[in-house]
Amino acid sequence: MTTLRPRTPCTLSRKTSTFDRYGREQHKLQRRSTKCAIIHMYNETEKTSVRADSSASRGRSDEQVADGRFLLKPSEQVSTGDLLELKVRGGEKYVIQINRVFRRPDVEGVIHHIDVEGDIWVSE
């Protein structure tokens, strides 16, 4: 019996082998509603290095950097490249592309939860 009780509503959409006109992988329209637990979310604006078109003022740009770590129930089917859409309190919505998937066992060797890491996913 697991003690994990995720409370944040989210949806998972799986990647397919087809690509859109921009060369990005398409995801199935059919999504699965589930719940996840947010362990860590990092969302910040960082200064980029000097741009190629910079002038004597050494122009710089701001870049949005976001990543996070989340827990899912062990029964979820998730893999690298899938999208995790979160709706957090306050109405904010984040779409995360999963980069790493770790199946974490308990002391008896049974999978207790799935630990996923990902970056913010930018769509059109």
N, C-alpha and C. Protein backbone atom coordinates (compact mmCIF):
# COMPACT_ATOMS: atom_id res chain seq x y z
N MET A 1 0.84 -1.18 0.00
CA MET A 1 0.00 0.00 0.00
C MET A 1 0.88 1.24 0.00
N THR A 2 0.58 2.13 -0.90
CA THR A 2 1.38 3.34 -1.03
C THR A 2 0.81 4.48 -0.18
N THR A 3 1.68 5.34 0.30
CA THR A 3 1.24 6.50 1.07
C THR A 3 1.22 7.76 0.21
N LEU A 4 1.57 7.63 -1.06
CA LEU A 4 1.57 8.77 -1.96
C LEU A 4 0.14 9.18 -2.30
N ARG A 5 -0.20 10.45 -2.05
CA ARG A 5 -1.52 10.98 -2.37
C ARG A 5 -1.38 12.29 -3.13
N PRO A 6 -1.11 12.21 -4.44
CA PRO A 6 -0.96 13.45 -5.22
C PRO A 6 -2.27 14.21 -5.29
N ARG A 7 -2.20 15.55 -5.27
CA ARG A 7 -3.41 16.36 -5.23
C ARG A 7 -3.53 17.38 -6.38
N THR A 8 -2.47 17.62 -7.11
CA THR A 8 -2.51 18.61 -8.19
C THR A 8 -3.09 17.99 -9.45
N PRO A 9 -4.19 18.52 -9.99
CA PRO A 9 -4.75 17.96 -11.22
C PRO A 9 -3.83 18.21 -12.40
N CYS A 10 -3.64 17.19 -13.22
CA CYS A 10 -2.80 17.33 -14.40
C CYS A 10 -3.28 16.36 -15.48
N THR A 11 -2.80 16.57 -16.68
CA THR A 11 -3.12 15.66 -17.78
C THR A 11 -1.82 15.23 -18.45
N LEU A 12 -1.78 13.99 -18.90
CA LEU A 12 -0.64 13.43 -19.61
C LEU A 12 -1.02 13.22 -21.06
N SER A 13 -0.17 13.62 -21.98
CA SER A 13 -0.39 13.30 -23.38
C SER A 13 0.89 12.65 -23.91
N ARG A 14 0.71 11.56 -24.65
CA ARG A 14 1.85 10.77 -25.12
C ARG A 14 2.38 11.27 -26.45
N LYS A 15 3.67 11.09 -26.64
CA LYS A 15 4.28 11.48 -27.90
C LYS A 15 3.97 10.42 -28.96
N THR A 16 3.97 10.84 -30.22
CA THR A 16 3.78 9.93 -31.33
C THR A 16 4.99 10.02 -32.25
N SER A 17 5.00 9.24 -33.29
CA SER A 17 6.15 9.26 -34.21
C SER A 17 5.94 10.22 -35.37
N THR A 18 4.90 11.06 -35.30
CA THR A 18 4.65 12.02 -36.36
C THR A 18 5.12 13.41 -35.93
N PHE A 19 5.40 14.25 -36.91
CA PHE A 19 5.94 15.58 -36.64
C PHE A 19 5.06 16.64 -37.30
N ASP A 20 5.02 17.85 -36.70
CA ASP A 20 4.27 18.94 -37.31
C ASP A 20 5.15 19.66 -38.33
N ARG A 21 4.64 20.74 -38.90
CA ARG A 21 5.39 21.42 -39.96
C ARG A 21 6.64 22.13 -39.46
N TYR A 22 6.81 22.26 -38.15
CA TYR A 22 8.00 22.87 -37.58
C TYR A 22 9.02 21.84 -37.13
N GLY A 23 8.73 20.55 -37.35
CA GLY A 23 9.66 19.49 -36.98
C GLY A 23 9.56 19.03 -35.55
N ARG A 24 8.53 19.49 -34.82
CA ARG A 24 8.34 19.06 -33.43
C ARG A 24 7.45 17.83 -33.40
N GLU A 25 7.71 16.96 -32.42
CA GLU A 25 6.89 15.76 -32.29
C GLU A 25 5.46 16.15 -31.92
N GLN A 26 4.51 15.49 -32.55
CA GLN A 26 3.11 15.74 -32.21
C GLN A 26 2.70 14.82 -31.07
N HIS A 27 1.73 15.26 -30.31
CA HIS A 27 1.22 14.48 -29.19
C HIS A 27 -0.24 14.15 -29.45
N LYS A 28 -0.66 13.00 -28.96
CA LYS A 28 -2.03 12.56 -29.19
C LYS A 28 -3.00 13.56 -28.58
N LEU A 29 -4.10 13.75 -29.27
CA LEU A 29 -5.14 14.63 -28.74
C LEU A 29 -5.82 14.00 -27.54
N GLN A 30 -5.85 12.68 -27.52
CA GLN A 30 -6.47 11.98 -26.40
C GLN A 30 -5.53 12.08 -25.20
N ARG A 31 -6.02 12.65 -24.14
CA ARG A 31 -5.21 12.86 -22.94
C ARG A 31 -5.80 12.10 -21.77
N ARG A 32 -4.95 11.79 -20.82
CA ARG A 32 -5.40 11.12 -19.60
C ARG A 32 -5.34 12.10 -18.44
N SER A 33 -6.44 12.23 -17.75
CA SER A 33 -6.45 13.06 -16.55
C SER A 33 -5.91 12.23 -15.40
N THR A 34 -5.08 12.85 -14.59
CA THR A 34 -4.50 12.18 -13.43
C THR A 34 -4.19 13.25 -12.39
N LYS A 35 -3.49 12.87 -11.35
CA LYS A 35 -3.03 13.81 -10.34
C LYS A 35 -1.56 13.58 -10.10
N CYS A 36 -0.85 14.66 -9.77
CA CYS A 36 0.58 14.55 -9.50
C CYS A 36 0.92 15.38 -8.26
N ALA A 37 2.10 15.15 -7.74
CA ALA A 37 2.61 15.92 -6.60
C ALA A 37 3.79 16.75 -7.10
N ILE A 38 3.78 18.03 -6.83
CA ILE A 38 4.87 18.91 -7.24
C ILE A 38 5.94 18.89 -6.16
N ILE A 39 7.14 18.49 -6.54
CA ILE A 39 8.25 18.49 -5.60
C ILE A 39 9.02 19.80 -5.70
N HIS A 40 9.28 20.22 -6.93
CA HIS A 40 10.09 21.42 -7.16
C HIS A 40 9.68 22.03 -8.49
N MET A 41 9.45 23.34 -8.50
CA MET A 41 9.23 24.06 -9.75
C MET A 41 10.10 25.31 -9.72
N TYR A 42 10.82 25.50 -10.80
CA TYR A 42 11.75 26.62 -10.93
C TYR A 42 11.34 27.40 -12.16
N ASN A 43 11.01 28.66 -11.99
CA ASN A 43 10.58 29.49 -13.11
C ASN A 43 11.21 30.87 -12.93
N GLU A 44 12.16 31.19 -13.80
CA GLU A 44 12.90 32.43 -13.62
C GLU A 44 13.34 32.98 -14.97
N THR A 45 13.60 34.26 -15.01
CA THR A 45 14.13 34.91 -16.20
C THR A 45 15.61 35.15 -15.98
N GLU A 46 16.44 34.67 -16.93
CA GLU A 46 17.89 34.85 -16.83
C GLU A 46 18.40 35.66 -18.01
N LYS A 47 19.48 36.36 -17.80
CA LYS A 47 20.13 37.11 -18.87
C LYS A 47 20.90 36.14 -19.75
N THR A 48 20.78 36.31 -21.07
CA THR A 48 21.52 35.47 -22.00
C THR A 48 22.88 36.08 -22.27
N SER A 49 23.71 35.34 -22.96
CA SER A 49 25.02 35.88 -23.34
C SER A 49 24.83 36.94 -24.42
N VAL A 50 25.88 37.56 -24.82
CA VAL A 50 25.82 38.64 -25.81
C VAL A 50 25.29 38.09 -27.12
N ARG A 51 24.34 38.80 -27.72
CA ARG A 51 23.75 38.37 -28.98
C ARG A 51 24.67 38.71 -30.14
N ALA A 52 24.49 38.01 -31.24
CA ALA A 52 25.31 38.23 -32.43
C ALA A 52 25.07 39.60 -33.03
N ASP A 53 23.87 40.14 -32.88
CA ASP A 53 23.55 41.44 -33.46
C ASP A 53 23.74 42.59 -32.46
N SER A 54 24.52 42.37 -31.44
CA SER A 54 24.67 43.39 -30.41
C SER A 54 25.46 44.59 -30.91
N SER A 55 25.17 45.69 -30.32
CA SER A 55 25.86 46.93 -30.68
C SER A 55 26.96 47.19 -29.66
N ALA A 56 27.46 48.38 -29.67
CA ALA A 56 28.52 48.74 -28.71
C ALA A 56 28.02 48.66 -27.27
N SER A 57 26.71 48.69 -27.09
CA SER A 57 26.16 48.61 -25.73
C SER A 57 26.15 47.18 -25.21
N ARG A 58 26.61 46.24 -26.05
CA ARG A 58 26.66 44.83 -25.65
C ARG A 58 25.27 44.33 -25.25
N GLY A 59 24.34 44.42 -26.19
CA GLY A 59 22.96 44.06 -25.94
C GLY A 59 22.78 42.64 -25.43
N ARG A 60 21.91 42.48 -24.50
CA ARG A 60 21.58 41.17 -23.93
C ARG A 60 20.08 40.97 -24.01
N SER A 61 19.69 39.75 -23.77
CA SER A 61 18.28 39.40 -23.86
C SER A 61 17.88 38.62 -22.62
N ASP A 62 16.59 38.61 -22.31
CA ASP A 62 16.09 37.81 -21.21
C ASP A 62 15.56 36.49 -21.76
N GLU A 63 15.84 35.40 -21.05
CA GLU A 63 15.39 34.08 -21.46
C GLU A 63 14.61 33.44 -20.31
N GLN A 64 13.44 32.90 -20.63
CA GLN A 64 12.62 32.24 -19.62
C GLN A 64 13.15 30.83 -19.39
N VAL A 65 13.50 30.51 -18.15
CA VAL A 65 14.02 29.20 -17.79
C VAL A 65 13.07 28.60 -16.76
N ALA A 66 12.60 27.40 -17.05
CA ALA A 66 11.69 26.74 -16.12
C ALA A 66 11.91 25.24 -16.17
N ASP A 67 11.93 24.62 -15.02
CA ASP A 67 11.99 23.16 -14.95
C ASP A 67 11.33 22.72 -13.66
N GLY A 68 11.18 21.42 -13.49
CA GLY A 68 10.53 20.94 -12.28
C GLY A 68 10.69 19.45 -12.10
N ARG A 69 10.30 19.00 -10.91
CA ARG A 69 10.30 17.58 -10.56
C ARG A 69 8.94 17.26 -9.95
N PHE A 70 8.35 16.15 -10.40
CA PHE A 70 7.00 15.78 -10.02
C PHE A 70 6.93 14.30 -9.70
N LEU A 71 5.97 13.92 -8.86
CA LEU A 71 5.73 12.52 -8.53
C LEU A 71 4.39 12.09 -9.11
N LEU A 72 4.37 10.89 -9.68
CA LEU A 72 3.14 10.30 -10.22
C LEU A 72 2.91 8.95 -9.56
N LYS A 73 1.69 8.47 -9.64
CA LYS A 73 1.36 7.16 -9.10
C LYS A 73 2.09 6.08 -9.90
N PRO A 74 2.41 4.94 -9.26
CA PRO A 74 3.15 3.89 -9.97
C PRO A 74 2.38 3.24 -11.11
N SER A 75 1.07 3.42 -11.15
CA SER A 75 0.26 2.81 -12.21
C SER A 75 0.27 3.61 -13.51
N GLU A 76 0.82 4.84 -13.50
CA GLU A 76 0.83 5.68 -14.69
C GLU A 76 1.83 5.16 -15.72
N GLN A 77 1.43 5.24 -16.99
CA GLN A 77 2.31 4.90 -18.11
C GLN A 77 2.88 6.21 -18.65
N VAL A 78 4.15 6.47 -18.37
CA VAL A 78 4.78 7.72 -18.78
C VAL A 78 6.17 7.41 -19.32
N SER A 79 6.59 8.18 -20.32
CA SER A 79 7.93 7.98 -20.87
C SER A 79 8.52 9.33 -21.24
N THR A 80 9.80 9.32 -21.56
CA THR A 80 10.52 10.53 -21.94
C THR A 80 9.89 11.13 -23.20
N GLY A 81 9.66 12.43 -23.18
CA GLY A 81 9.07 13.13 -24.32
C GLY A 81 7.59 13.40 -24.17
N ASP A 82 6.92 12.74 -23.21
CA ASP A 82 5.50 13.00 -22.97
C ASP A 82 5.31 14.40 -22.39
N LEU A 83 4.09 14.91 -22.48
CA LEU A 83 3.77 16.22 -21.93
C LEU A 83 2.93 16.08 -20.67
N LEU A 84 3.26 16.85 -19.67
CA LEU A 84 2.52 16.90 -18.41
C LEU A 84 1.98 18.32 -18.27
N GLU A 85 0.65 18.45 -18.29
CA GLU A 85 0.01 19.76 -18.19
C GLU A 85 -0.52 19.93 -16.78
N LEU A 86 -0.04 20.96 -16.08
CA LEU A 86 -0.41 21.21 -14.69
C LEU A 86 -1.31 22.43 -14.59
N LYS A 87 -2.27 22.35 -13.72
CA LYS A 87 -3.08 23.52 -13.38
C LYS A 87 -2.92 23.73 -11.89
N VAL A 88 -2.20 24.79 -11.53
CA VAL A 88 -1.93 25.05 -10.13
C VAL A 88 -2.90 26.08 -9.59
N ARG A 89 -2.90 26.23 -8.28
CA ARG A 89 -3.79 27.22 -7.65
C ARG A 89 -3.49 28.60 -8.19
N GLY A 90 -4.52 29.39 -8.36
CA GLY A 90 -4.36 30.71 -8.93
C GLY A 90 -4.63 30.73 -10.42
N GLY A 91 -4.92 29.55 -11.00
CA GLY A 91 -5.28 29.48 -12.40
C GLY A 91 -4.13 29.38 -13.37
N GLU A 92 -2.89 29.34 -12.88
CA GLU A 92 -1.76 29.23 -13.78
C GLU A 92 -1.70 27.84 -14.39
N LYS A 93 -1.28 27.79 -15.65
CA LYS A 93 -1.19 26.53 -16.36
C LYS A 93 0.23 26.38 -16.90
N TYR A 94 0.84 25.22 -16.66
CA TYR A 94 2.17 24.92 -17.14
C TYR A 94 2.12 23.65 -17.97
N VAL A 95 2.87 23.64 -19.07
CA VAL A 95 3.03 22.43 -19.87
C VAL A 95 4.50 22.06 -19.80
N ILE A 96 4.77 20.88 -19.27
CA ILE A 96 6.13 20.41 -19.04
C ILE A 96 6.42 19.24 -19.96
N GLN A 97 7.56 19.28 -20.67
CA GLN A 97 7.98 18.13 -21.46
C GLN A 97 8.91 17.29 -20.58
N ILE A 98 8.58 16.02 -20.43
CA ILE A 98 9.30 15.14 -19.53
C ILE A 98 10.63 14.73 -20.16
N ASN A 99 11.73 14.96 -19.41
CA ASN A 99 13.07 14.61 -19.87
C ASN A 99 13.60 13.35 -19.23
N ARG A 100 13.23 13.11 -17.99
CA ARG A 100 13.75 11.95 -17.26
C ARG A 100 12.62 11.28 -16.49
N VAL A 101 12.65 9.96 -16.46
CA VAL A 101 11.66 9.18 -15.73
C VAL A 101 12.40 8.20 -14.84
N PHE A 102 12.11 8.24 -13.54
CA PHE A 102 12.72 7.32 -12.58
C PHE A 102 11.61 6.57 -11.86
N ARG A 103 11.63 5.26 -11.89
CA ARG A 103 10.68 4.45 -11.14
C ARG A 103 11.34 4.12 -9.80
N ARG A 104 10.80 4.67 -8.73
CA ARG A 104 11.42 4.56 -7.41
C ARG A 104 10.78 3.43 -6.60
N PRO A 105 11.57 2.45 -6.18
CA PRO A 105 11.04 1.35 -5.37
C PRO A 105 11.06 1.69 -3.88
N ASP A 106 10.25 0.94 -3.12
CA ASP A 106 10.30 1.06 -1.66
C ASP A 106 11.34 0.05 -1.14
N VAL A 107 11.41 -0.13 0.17
CA VAL A 107 12.43 -1.01 0.75
C VAL A 107 12.21 -2.48 0.38
N GLU A 108 11.00 -2.84 -0.03
CA GLU A 108 10.72 -4.21 -0.42
C GLU A 108 10.94 -4.46 -1.91
N GLY A 109 11.31 -3.43 -2.66
CA GLY A 109 11.58 -3.57 -4.07
C GLY A 109 10.38 -3.35 -4.98
N VAL A 110 9.24 -3.00 -4.41
CA VAL A 110 8.03 -2.71 -5.19
C VAL A 110 8.05 -1.24 -5.58
N ILE A 111 7.66 -0.94 -6.83
CA ILE A 111 7.66 0.46 -7.29
C ILE A 111 6.67 1.26 -6.45
N HIS A 112 7.18 2.29 -5.77
CA HIS A 112 6.37 3.13 -4.88
C HIS A 112 5.78 4.33 -5.61
N HIS A 113 6.59 4.98 -6.46
CA HIS A 113 6.13 6.14 -7.22
C HIS A 113 7.03 6.34 -8.43
N ILE A 114 6.58 7.20 -9.32
CA ILE A 114 7.37 7.56 -10.50
C ILE A 114 7.81 9.00 -10.33
N ASP A 115 9.10 9.22 -10.40
CA ASP A 115 9.71 10.53 -10.25
C ASP A 115 10.05 11.03 -11.65
N VAL A 116 9.44 12.14 -12.08
CA VAL A 116 9.70 12.68 -13.43
C VAL A 116 10.28 14.08 -13.33
N GLU A 117 11.18 14.39 -14.25
CA GLU A 117 11.76 15.71 -14.35
C GLU A 117 11.49 16.25 -15.74
N GLY A 118 11.32 17.55 -15.86
CA GLY A 118 11.06 18.12 -17.19
C GLY A 118 11.29 19.60 -17.24
N ASP A 119 11.23 20.11 -18.48
CA ASP A 119 11.40 21.53 -18.76
C ASP A 119 10.10 22.08 -19.32
N ILE A 120 9.94 23.39 -19.22
CA ILE A 120 8.76 24.04 -19.77
C ILE A 120 8.74 23.77 -21.27
N TRP A 121 7.56 23.47 -21.79
CA TRP A 121 7.39 23.14 -23.22
C TRP A 121 6.71 24.31 -23.88
N VAL A 122 7.31 24.83 -24.94
CA VAL A 122 6.76 25.98 -25.63
C VAL A 122 6.03 25.50 -26.87
N SER A 123 4.76 25.88 -26.97
CA SER A 123 3.99 25.54 -28.16
C SER A 123 3.71 26.81 -28.94
N GLU A 124 3.08 26.67 -30.12
CA GLU A 124 2.82 27.83 -30.96
C GLU A 124 1.88 28.80 -30.28
